[in-house]
C-alpha atoms as a PDB file:
ATOM      1  CA  MET A   1       4.555  15.688  40.740  1.00  0.00           C
ATOM      2  CA  ALA A   2       6.503  18.695  41.984  1.00  0.00           C
ATOM      3  CA  GLY A   3       7.041  19.441  45.686  1.00  0.00           C
ATOM      4  CA  THR A   4       6.010  17.174  48.544  1.00  0.00           C
ATOM      5  CA  ARG A   5       3.437  14.409  48.378  1.00  0.00           C
ATOM      6  CA  PHE A   6       0.804  17.011  49.368  1.00  0.00           C
ATOM      7  CA  ASP A   7       1.947  19.766  47.003  1.00  0.00           C
ATOM      8  CA  PHE A   8       1.729  18.985  43.304  1.00  0.00           C
ATOM      9  CA  SER A   9       0.466  20.008  39.907  1.00  0.00           C
ATOM     10  CA  GLY A  10      -0.466  17.128  37.621  1.00  0.00           C
ATOM     11  CA  ASP A  11      -0.018  16.889  33.879  1.00  0.00           C
ATOM     12  CA  GLU A  12      -2.788  18.077  31.590  1.00  0.00           C
ATOM     13  CA  ARG A  13      -4.797  15.215  30.097  1.00  0.00           C
ATOM     14  CA  SER A  14      -8.305  14.278  29.001  1.00  0.00           C
ATOM     15  CA  VAL A  15     -10.626  12.779  31.621  1.00  0.00           C
ATOM     16  CA  ALA A  16     -14.177  11.468  31.184  1.00  0.00           C
ATOM     17  CA  LEU A  17     -16.385  12.940  33.896  1.00  0.00           C
ATOM     18  CA  ARG A  18     -19.912  13.938  34.837  1.00  0.00           C
ATOM     19  CA  PHE A  19     -20.548  17.521  35.970  1.00  0.00           C
ATOM     20  CA  VAL A  20     -22.954  17.748  38.934  1.00  0.00           C
ATOM     21  CA  GLY A  21     -24.641  20.597  40.783  1.00  0.00           C
ATOM     22  CA  GLY A  22     -27.325  20.979  43.449  1.00  0.00           C
ATOM     23  CA  GLN A  23     -29.564  17.914  43.686  1.00  0.00           C
ATOM     24  CA  GLY A  24     -27.276  16.183  41.199  1.00  0.00           C
ATOM     25  CA  HIS A  25     -25.005  15.517  44.186  1.00  0.00           C
ATOM     26  CA  TYR A  26     -27.742  13.534  45.910  1.00  0.00           C
ATOM     27  CA  ASP A  27     -28.858  11.674  42.790  1.00  0.00           C
ATOM     28  CA  THR A  28     -25.320  10.679  41.824  1.00  0.00           C
ATOM     29  CA  VAL A  29     -23.049  10.676  44.882  1.00  0.00           C
ATOM     30  CA  VAL A  30     -25.333   9.881  47.820  1.00  0.00           C
ATOM     31  CA  ARG A  31     -27.162   7.139  45.935  1.00  0.00           C
ATOM     32  CA  ALA A  32     -23.832   5.558  44.976  1.00  0.00           C
ATOM     33  CA  VAL A  33     -22.815   5.536  48.646  1.00  0.00           C
ATOM     34  CA  MET A  34     -26.104   3.901  49.632  1.00  0.00           C
ATOM     35  CA  HIS A  35     -25.445   1.058  47.173  1.00  0.00           C
ATOM     36  CA  ALA A  36     -21.743   0.533  47.957  1.00  0.00           C
ATOM     37  CA  SER A  37     -20.557  -3.067  48.005  1.00  0.00           C
ATOM     38  CA  ARG A  38     -16.965  -2.803  49.299  1.00  0.00           C
ATOM     39  CA  SER A  39     -15.948   0.610  50.609  1.00  0.00           C
ATOM     40  CA  VAL A  40     -16.881   4.259  51.102  1.00  0.00           C
ATOM     41  CA  TRP A  41     -14.261   6.917  51.806  1.00  0.00           C
ATOM     42  CA  ILE A  42     -15.501  10.423  52.580  1.00  0.00           C
ATOM     43  CA  SER A  43     -13.430  13.563  53.093  1.00  0.00           C
ATOM     44  CA  THR A  44     -15.223  16.670  54.313  1.00  0.00           C
ATOM     45  CA  ALA A  45     -14.585  19.840  56.276  1.00  0.00           C
ATOM     46  CA  ASN A  46     -18.040  19.800  57.902  1.00  0.00           C
ATOM     47  CA  LEU A  47     -19.824  16.613  58.951  1.00  0.00           C
ATOM     48  CA  LYS A  48     -23.573  16.747  59.600  1.00  0.00           C
ATOM     49  CA  GLU A  49     -26.607  14.507  59.769  1.00  0.00           C
ATOM     50  CA  LEU A  50     -28.088  13.680  56.362  1.00  0.00           C
ATOM     51  CA  MET A  51     -31.593  12.365  55.719  1.00  0.00           C
ATOM     52  CA  VAL A  52     -32.024  10.097  52.709  1.00  0.00           C
ATOM     53  CA  GLU A  53     -35.035   8.641  50.979  1.00  0.00           C
ATOM     54  CA  ASP A  54     -35.979   5.259  52.395  1.00  0.00           C
ATOM     55  CA  GLY A  55     -36.214   2.937  49.414  1.00  0.00           C
ATOM     56  CA  ARG A  56     -37.067  -0.165  51.427  1.00  0.00           C
ATOM     57  CA  ALA A  57     -40.361  -1.803  50.549  1.00  0.00           C
ATOM     58  CA  VAL A  58     -42.927  -1.833  53.345  1.00  0.00           C
ATOM     59  CA  PRO A  59     -45.777  -4.372  53.090  1.00  0.00           C
ATOM     60  CA  GLY A  60     -49.144  -2.702  52.663  1.00  0.00           C
ATOM     61  CA  ARG A  61     -47.697   0.726  51.916  1.00  0.00           C
ATOM     62  CA  ALA A  62     -47.912   2.044  48.369  1.00  0.00           C
ATOM     63  CA  ARG A  63     -45.073   4.282  47.267  1.00  0.00           C
ATOM     64  CA  SER A  64     -45.654   7.364  45.149  1.00  0.00           C
ATOM     65  CA  ALA A  65     -43.974  10.664  44.301  1.00  0.00           C
ATOM     66  CA  SER A  66     -46.146  12.391  46.906  1.00  0.00           C
ATOM     67  CA  ARG A  67     -45.679   9.760  49.616  1.00  0.00           C
ATOM     68  CA  ARG A  68     -42.064   9.260  50.567  1.00  0.00           C
ATOM     69  CA  SER A  69     -40.326   8.342  53.789  1.00  0.00           C
ATOM     70  CA  TYR A  70     -36.848   9.254  54.960  1.00  0.00           C
ATOM     71  CA  ARG A  71     -34.259   7.962  57.387  1.00  0.00           C
ATOM     72  CA  SER A  72     -30.792   8.879  58.603  1.00  0.00           C
ATOM     73  CA  VAL A  73     -27.853   8.010  56.380  1.00  0.00           C
ATOM     74  CA  ILE A  74     -26.205   6.675  59.548  1.00  0.00           C
ATOM     75  CA  ALA A  75     -28.783   3.870  59.532  1.00  0.00           C
ATOM     76  CA  VAL A  76     -27.641   3.167  55.981  1.00  0.00           C
ATOM     77  CA  PHE A  77     -24.010   3.138  57.164  1.00  0.00           C
ATOM     78  CA  ALA A  78     -24.944   0.564  59.815  1.00  0.00           C
ATOM     79  CA  GLU A  79     -26.511  -1.681  57.167  1.00  0.00           C
ATOM     80  CA  LEU A  80     -23.480  -1.321  54.907  1.00  0.00           C
ATOM     81  CA  VAL A  81     -21.100  -2.244  57.732  1.00  0.00           C
ATOM     82  CA  ALA A  82     -23.256  -5.286  58.494  1.00  0.00           C
ATOM     83  CA  ARG A  83     -22.672  -6.290  54.860  1.00  0.00           C
ATOM     84  CA  ARG A  84     -18.907  -5.929  55.435  1.00  0.00           C
ATOM     85  CA  VAL A  85     -18.471  -2.579  53.712  1.00  0.00           C
ATOM     86  CA  GLU A  86     -15.592  -0.430  54.950  1.00  0.00           C
ATOM     87  CA  ILE A  87     -16.580   3.175  55.752  1.00  0.00           C
ATOM     88  CA  ARG A  88     -13.940   5.815  56.476  1.00  0.00           C
ATOM     89  CA  ILE A  89     -14.843   9.444  57.155  1.00  0.00           C
ATOM     90  CA  LEU A  90     -12.070  12.019  57.356  1.00  0.00           C
ATOM     91  CA  HIS A  91     -13.295  15.379  58.682  1.00  0.00           C
ATOM     92  CA  ALA A  92     -12.049  18.698  60.054  1.00  0.00           C
ATOM     93  CA  SER A  93     -14.768  20.197  62.267  1.00  0.00           C
ATOM     94  CA  PRO A  94     -16.373  18.102  65.015  1.00  0.00           C
ATOM     95  CA  PRO A  95     -19.488  16.230  63.828  1.00  0.00           C
ATOM     96  CA  SER A  96     -22.730  18.108  64.381  1.00  0.00           C
ATOM     97  CA  ARG A  97     -24.841  17.475  67.487  1.00  0.00           C
ATOM     98  CA  ARG A  98     -27.539  15.730  65.438  1.00  0.00           C
ATOM     99  CA  PHE A  99     -24.942  13.515  63.759  1.00  0.00           C
ATOM    100  CA  ARG A 100     -23.538  12.459  67.145  1.00  0.00           C
ATOM    101  CA  ALA A 101     -27.015  11.877  68.564  1.00  0.00           C
ATOM    102  CA  GLU A 102     -27.978   9.648  65.661  1.00  0.00           C
ATOM    103  CA  LEU A 103     -24.688   7.767  65.892  1.00  0.00           C
ATOM    104  CA  GLU A 104     -25.452   6.897  69.518  1.00  0.00           C
ATOM    105  CA  LYS A 105     -28.582   5.075  68.319  1.00  0.00           C
ATOM    106  CA  HIS A 106     -26.413   2.569  66.453  1.00  0.00           C
ATOM    107  CA  PRO A 107     -24.189   0.721  68.954  1.00  0.00           C
ATOM    108  CA  GLY A 108     -22.434  -1.082  66.113  1.00  0.00           C
ATOM    109  CA  LEU A 109     -20.903   2.207  65.079  1.00  0.00           C
ATOM    110  CA  THR A 110     -18.633   4.172  67.406  1.00  0.00           C
ATOM    111  CA  ASP A 111     -17.489   7.791  67.213  1.00  0.00           C
ATOM    112  CA  GLY A 112     -13.781   7.983  66.511  1.00  0.00           C
ATOM    113  CA  VAL A 113     -13.053   4.267  66.972  1.00  0.00           C
ATOM    114  CA  GLY A 114     -13.334   1.682  64.225  1.00  0.00           C
ATOM    115  CA  ALA A 115     -16.146  -0.811  64.728  1.00  0.00           C
ATOM    116  CA  ARG A 116     -15.681  -4.096  62.916  1.00  0.00           C
ATOM    117  CA  ALA A 117     -18.708  -5.521  61.205  1.00  0.00           C
ATOM    118  CA  PRO A 118     -20.185  -8.636  62.838  1.00  0.00           C
ATOM    119  CA  GLY A 119     -18.569 -11.682  61.279  1.00  0.00           C
ATOM    120  CA  ALA A 120     -15.931  -9.667  59.415  1.00  0.00           C
ATOM    121  CA  ARG A 121     -12.473 -11.217  59.200  1.00  0.00           C
ATOM    122  CA  ALA A 122      -9.562  -9.426  60.866  1.00  0.00           C
ATOM    123  CA  GLY A 123      -7.830  -7.300  58.276  1.00  0.00           C
ATOM    124  CA  SER A 124     -10.832  -7.296  55.963  1.00  0.00           C
ATOM    125  CA  GLY A 125     -11.240  -3.549  56.448  1.00  0.00           C
ATOM    126  CA  ALA A 126     -14.980  -3.889  57.001  1.00  0.00           C
ATOM    127  CA  GLY A 127     -16.181  -1.394  59.597  1.00  0.00           C
ATOM    128  CA  PHE A 128     -16.882   2.251  60.343  1.00  0.00           C
ATOM    129  CA  GLU A 129     -14.373   4.826  61.496  1.00  0.00           C
ATOM    130  CA  LEU A 130     -14.129   8.586  61.876  1.00  0.00           C
ATOM    131  CA  ARG A 131     -10.819  10.413  61.980  1.00  0.00           C
ATOM    132  CA  SER A 132     -10.299  14.134  62.377  1.00  0.00           C
ATOM    133  CA  CYS A 133      -7.668  16.502  60.977  1.00  0.00           C
ATOM    134  CA  PRO A 134      -8.203  20.279  61.298  1.00  0.00           C
ATOM    135  CA  ARG A 135      -6.374  20.893  58.007  1.00  0.00           C
ATOM    136  CA  VAL A 136      -8.741  18.781  55.887  1.00  0.00           C
ATOM    137  CA  HIS A 137     -10.697  20.969  53.507  1.00  0.00           C
ATOM    138  CA  PHE A 138     -10.923  18.907  50.323  1.00  0.00           C
ATOM    139  CA  LYS A 139     -14.313  17.352  49.640  1.00  0.00           C
ATOM    140  CA  ALA A 140     -14.152  13.907  48.127  1.00  0.00           C
ATOM    141  CA  VAL A 141     -16.199  10.700  48.094  1.00  0.00           C
ATOM    142  CA  VAL A 142     -14.823   7.411  46.785  1.00  0.00           C
ATOM    143  CA  VAL A 143     -17.183   4.455  46.410  1.00  0.00           C
ATOM    144  CA  ASP A 144     -15.843   0.907  45.933  1.00  0.00           C
ATOM    145  CA  GLY A 145     -12.579   2.344  44.635  1.00  0.00           C
ATOM    146  CA  ALA A 146     -14.384   2.914  41.334  1.00  0.00           C
ATOM    147  CA  LEU A 147     -16.377   6.154  41.601  1.00  0.00           C
ATOM    148  CA  LEU A 148     -14.848   9.468  42.628  1.00  0.00           C
ATOM    149  CA  TYR A 149     -16.571  12.722  43.523  1.00  0.00           C
ATOM    150  CA  LEU A 150     -14.492  15.895  43.839  1.00  0.00           C
ATOM    151  CA  GLY A 151     -16.162  19.241  44.388  1.00  0.00           C
ATOM    152  CA  SER A 152     -17.272  21.929  46.781  1.00  0.00           C
ATOM    153  CA  ALA A 153     -19.902  19.985  48.760  1.00  0.00           C
ATOM    154  CA  ASN A 154     -19.366  19.044  52.382  1.00  0.00           C
ATOM    155  CA  TRP A 155     -21.063  15.949  53.805  1.00  0.00           C
ATOM    156  CA  THR A 156     -24.203  17.845  54.811  1.00  0.00           C
ATOM    157  CA  GLY A 157     -27.803  17.832  53.636  1.00  0.00           C
ATOM    158  CA  ALA A 158     -27.541  21.358  52.278  1.00  0.00           C
ATOM    159  CA  GLY A 159     -24.288  20.560  50.511  1.00  0.00           C
ATOM    160  CA  LEU A 160     -25.325  17.278  48.931  1.00  0.00           C
ATOM    161  CA  GLY A 161     -28.709  18.383  47.633  1.00  0.00           C
ATOM    162  CA  ALA A 162     -30.812  16.565  50.241  1.00  0.00           C
ATOM    163  CA  LYS A 163     -32.537  19.797  51.273  1.00  0.00           C
ATOM    164  CA  GLY A 164     -35.472  21.238  49.374  1.00  0.00           C
ATOM    165  CA  VAL A 165     -35.314  23.906  46.688  1.00  0.00           C
ATOM    166  CA  GLY A 166     -34.439  27.218  48.302  1.00  0.00           C
ATOM    167  CA  ARG A 167     -32.636  25.537  51.217  1.00  0.00           C
ATOM    168  CA  ARG A 168     -29.729  23.690  49.655  1.00  0.00           C
ATOM    169  CA  ASN A 169     -26.373  25.269  48.903  1.00  0.00           C
ATOM    170  CA  PHE A 170     -25.118  26.174  45.466  1.00  0.00           C
ATOM    171  CA  GLU A 171     -22.488  23.470  44.960  1.00  0.00           C
ATOM    172  CA  LEU A 172     -20.530  22.172  41.984  1.00  0.00           C
ATOM    173  CA  GLY A 173     -18.386  19.128  41.415  1.00  0.00           C
ATOM    174  CA  PHE A 174     -17.652  16.223  39.129  1.00  0.00           C
ATOM    175  CA  VAL A 175     -17.933  12.449  39.251  1.00  0.00           C
ATOM    176  CA  THR A 176     -15.540  10.166  37.398  1.00  0.00           C
ATOM    177  CA  GLY A 177     -14.254   6.614  37.245  1.00  0.00           C
ATOM    178  CA  ASP A 178     -10.815   7.715  36.022  1.00  0.00           C
ATOM    179  CA  ASP A 179      -8.246   5.258  37.403  1.00  0.00           C
ATOM    180  CA  LEU A 180      -5.399   7.757  37.810  1.00  0.00           C
ATOM    181  CA  LEU A 181      -7.532  10.304  39.681  1.00  0.00           C
ATOM    182  CA  LEU A 182      -8.929   7.543  41.874  1.00  0.00           C
ATOM    183  CA  ASP A 183      -5.403   6.374  42.713  1.00  0.00           C
ATOM    184  CA  GLN A 184      -4.173   9.899  43.445  1.00  0.00           C
ATOM    185  CA  VAL A 185      -7.103  10.890  45.656  1.00  0.00           C
ATOM    186  CA  GLN A 186      -7.096   7.598  47.568  1.00  0.00           C
ATOM    187  CA  ALA A 187      -3.337   7.895  48.126  1.00  0.00           C
ATOM    188  CA  LEU A 188      -3.703  11.437  49.496  1.00  0.00           C
ATOM    189  CA  PHE A 189      -6.623  10.399  51.683  1.00  0.00           C
ATOM    190  CA  ASP A 190      -4.740   7.386  53.045  1.00  0.00           C
ATOM    191  CA  GLN A 191      -1.617   9.415  53.822  1.00  0.00           C
ATOM    192  CA  ILE A 192      -3.626  11.857  55.913  1.00  0.00           C
ATOM    193  CA  TRP A 193      -5.636   9.010  57.458  1.00  0.00           C
ATOM    194  CA  ARG A 194      -2.438   7.275  58.626  1.00  0.00           C
ATOM    195  CA  GLY A 195      -0.932  10.475  60.043  1.00  0.00           C
ATOM    196  CA  ALA A 196       1.762  10.932  57.404  1.00  0.00           C
ATOM    197  CA  ALA A 197       1.087  14.697  57.445  1.00  0.00           C
ATOM    198  CA  CYS A 198       1.254  15.062  61.231  1.00  0.00           C
ATOM    199  CA  LYS A 199       5.011  15.404  61.661  1.00  0.00           C
ATOM    200  CA  GLY A 200       5.898  19.089  61.655  1.00  0.00           C
ATOM    201  CA  CYS A 201       2.255  20.187  61.428  1.00  0.00           C
ATOM    202  CA  ARG A 202       1.873  23.736  62.763  1.00  0.00           C
ATOM    203  CA  LEU A 203      -1.627  22.934  64.045  1.00  0.00           C
ATOM    204  CA  ARG A 204      -0.557  19.954  66.144  1.00  0.00           C
ATOM    205  CA  GLU A 205      -0.981  21.837  69.428  1.00  0.00           C
ATOM    206  CA  ILE A 206      -4.675  22.436  68.760  1.00  0.00           C
ATOM    207  CA  CYS A 207      -5.334  19.058  67.149  1.00  0.00           C
ATOM    208  CA  PRO A 208      -7.566  17.037  69.493  1.00  0.00           C
ATOM    209  CA  ARG A 209      -6.132  13.686  68.413  1.00  0.00           C
ATOM    210  CA  PRO A 210      -3.076  13.658  66.102  1.00  0.00           C
ATOM    211  CA  LEU A 211      -3.485  10.822  63.637  1.00  0.00           C
ATOM    212  CA  ASP A 212       0.114   9.647  63.874  1.00  0.00           C
ATOM    213  CA  GLY A 213      -0.582   8.667  67.489  1.00  0.00           C
ATOM    214  CA  LEU A 214      -3.436   6.274  66.736  1.00  0.00           C
END
């Protein structure tokens, strides 16, 4: 790769991928996150509350296409962390008011500080953590180190197809299990996460919490 670790142009090659748009983001990306078994890494410019379909069975309640219930994805995050799944969210803008309000309902998850899952071993990585960098604008989701989404959608209901027809954004992206792309995106994410881009950053003076100081 030419230039610095953040400036590059990769070689042309064939990659197997799935093209997604609109509600395809919800059906493919959000559902994969909800069923994660090891880790979820999310990079987004905007971070908002997201309501997802509640697939849990409730005794005495019949499920049908016309009778669905929904809950916050943050409740799903709490369940994943309890199952020792690592969740990292890298974002630029401050989380929305509704996102912060919902987060406060889950004391096992803390805004800006990693919360280790109950019973998780030190160093296991299991937990939930938010980190902010005002220069982050790439939208990516990595699930279990095996599924990668890259595209235009922020982590919002309108972006990820959770809103109804006529309310969601026009978004495009692709999903792949390509090993090289997974390695490259996770490496970039981790470098920013650890503050490797902070030294010499021209936005450091307005950054609320430089990552190289954590």
